[in-house]
């Protein structure tokens, strides 16, 4: 466990009350990237750029040509070199063998050990934190057992960046104390990407995903007429099997069916084994929209009308050319549901959900236009049609753009929002905004000066002069702000909520 120490704030005299510098306490607690944290992933040689021509058949042929003694020795070397770095590595080899088993000549007799050796050749290690660990989001842990008075166990997500700038999401746990003390647990030595499962799909969302203005697609109209509101992939395929041959030959049929299957591939569920620690759970890019990364998850503990909490996060899905805001949901951080979001307000990046409905509707902060903080609402939490501006760039430190740093925090005086602004030399700074509890479209106040900027020890990194958070957490009268610095590592600051509200009121 890594424990924080308080760093004294720089105190400045100011007419009219407390200064921002006096509010913020940096904690001597830094999480750096750890290149030894690896996952075992499928590797098909030649099936990726620039080759794009699979060499799987030749590799399998050469492995089958090995003598028994050589094959056994090769496999023992693999186990001795890698067995201690992964949980259930042989199961991964078996799964990866099944992916390429069609390359084994028909009728060939292959022993179980040689199957595993083939699987090992089609497996590689990926260092999930090889480049960076950054952009954290913090929420109360679902399990608060064993906590002393004044303590709160937290769960923190982080964006891990590896080879090729590919991003995934992983987790850490820790404890926040009554006076802002923080301790982060040592993560498990293992990491894994879980098991993929199909999801249940929504006819309404299918219509939203495929309907284009001024189009009347016969195949889509057929599906929307016959599908139930909630359907499974087998039900969809069964219905497609009843399509009239006369519809199948329409010019746009193939294009429409491709779009339908794209929609299906973008909704999925990931399950992790019961005997794994949450720090082992890695949300790996899986759908077509995520091919090049899952970035900047903004988690919030959401309380619905029935009082049952569920954890939700919006995240940026990157396919290599376009970004999309998507949604993940979990109740236990063991089973995760990933799905698409739709509507004008979820364009670009940086959607952050409110922790409860307001006046019966879901609400979110949006940066749909890339440069302003805006408010969006939704009837179902999936389709977000419009957003209206709350805050525009107006200070000398945020004239490039403003955005949120995670979900709003509910206080008695209003919704407290940690924001970010970008100014000269692409310097990122954190700010704060206060919105009305009943009508969050009404801005009560905002800091005129930055709450936090990169210190001299934080400014250099993969992306210099950046501090950035994806979600603070309120504990008692303390706001804990985990933040990434330089797109390299994670640090922590604490702020008294009452003092910050007083400073905002003074403005």
Foldseek 3Di string as FASTA:
>chain_A
DAWWDWDQFDADDDPPDGDLSNFKIFIRDWFFFDQLAKEKDFAFPQCDPPRVDTPLLVVLVVLVPDDPVVLVVVLVVCCVVPVVQADPVLVQLLVNLVVSVVSPDPPDDDDSSSSSVSSVVRIDIWRQQAAAKFFKAKDFAPDQPPDDPQKTKMKMKIWHATPPRATWIAIWIWMAGNVRIIDTDDFDSYAYAADKDFDKDALVVLCQQPDDPPDDQPVNVQCSVPDDRIHGPVVVVVSVVPDDVVSCPDPCNVVSVVSSVLQRQQKIKGAADPPHDRRRHMNHQGHQQQCRYKANWFWEFAQEPVRQTKIKTWTWHHNPPAIWIWMWIGNNSGMIITHHAEAQQRADDAWAWARYDAPQWTKIWGPSVVAFTWIWTHNPVRYTHDTDGQGGDDAQAAPVGKGFQHYFDDDPQATKTWMWGAHPPRAIFIWIWGAHHNDRSHTPFIDRDGSDWADPVQQDACAGNDWGHSYWYDRDQKIKTWIGGRSTIITIMIGGNVVVVVNRNSD
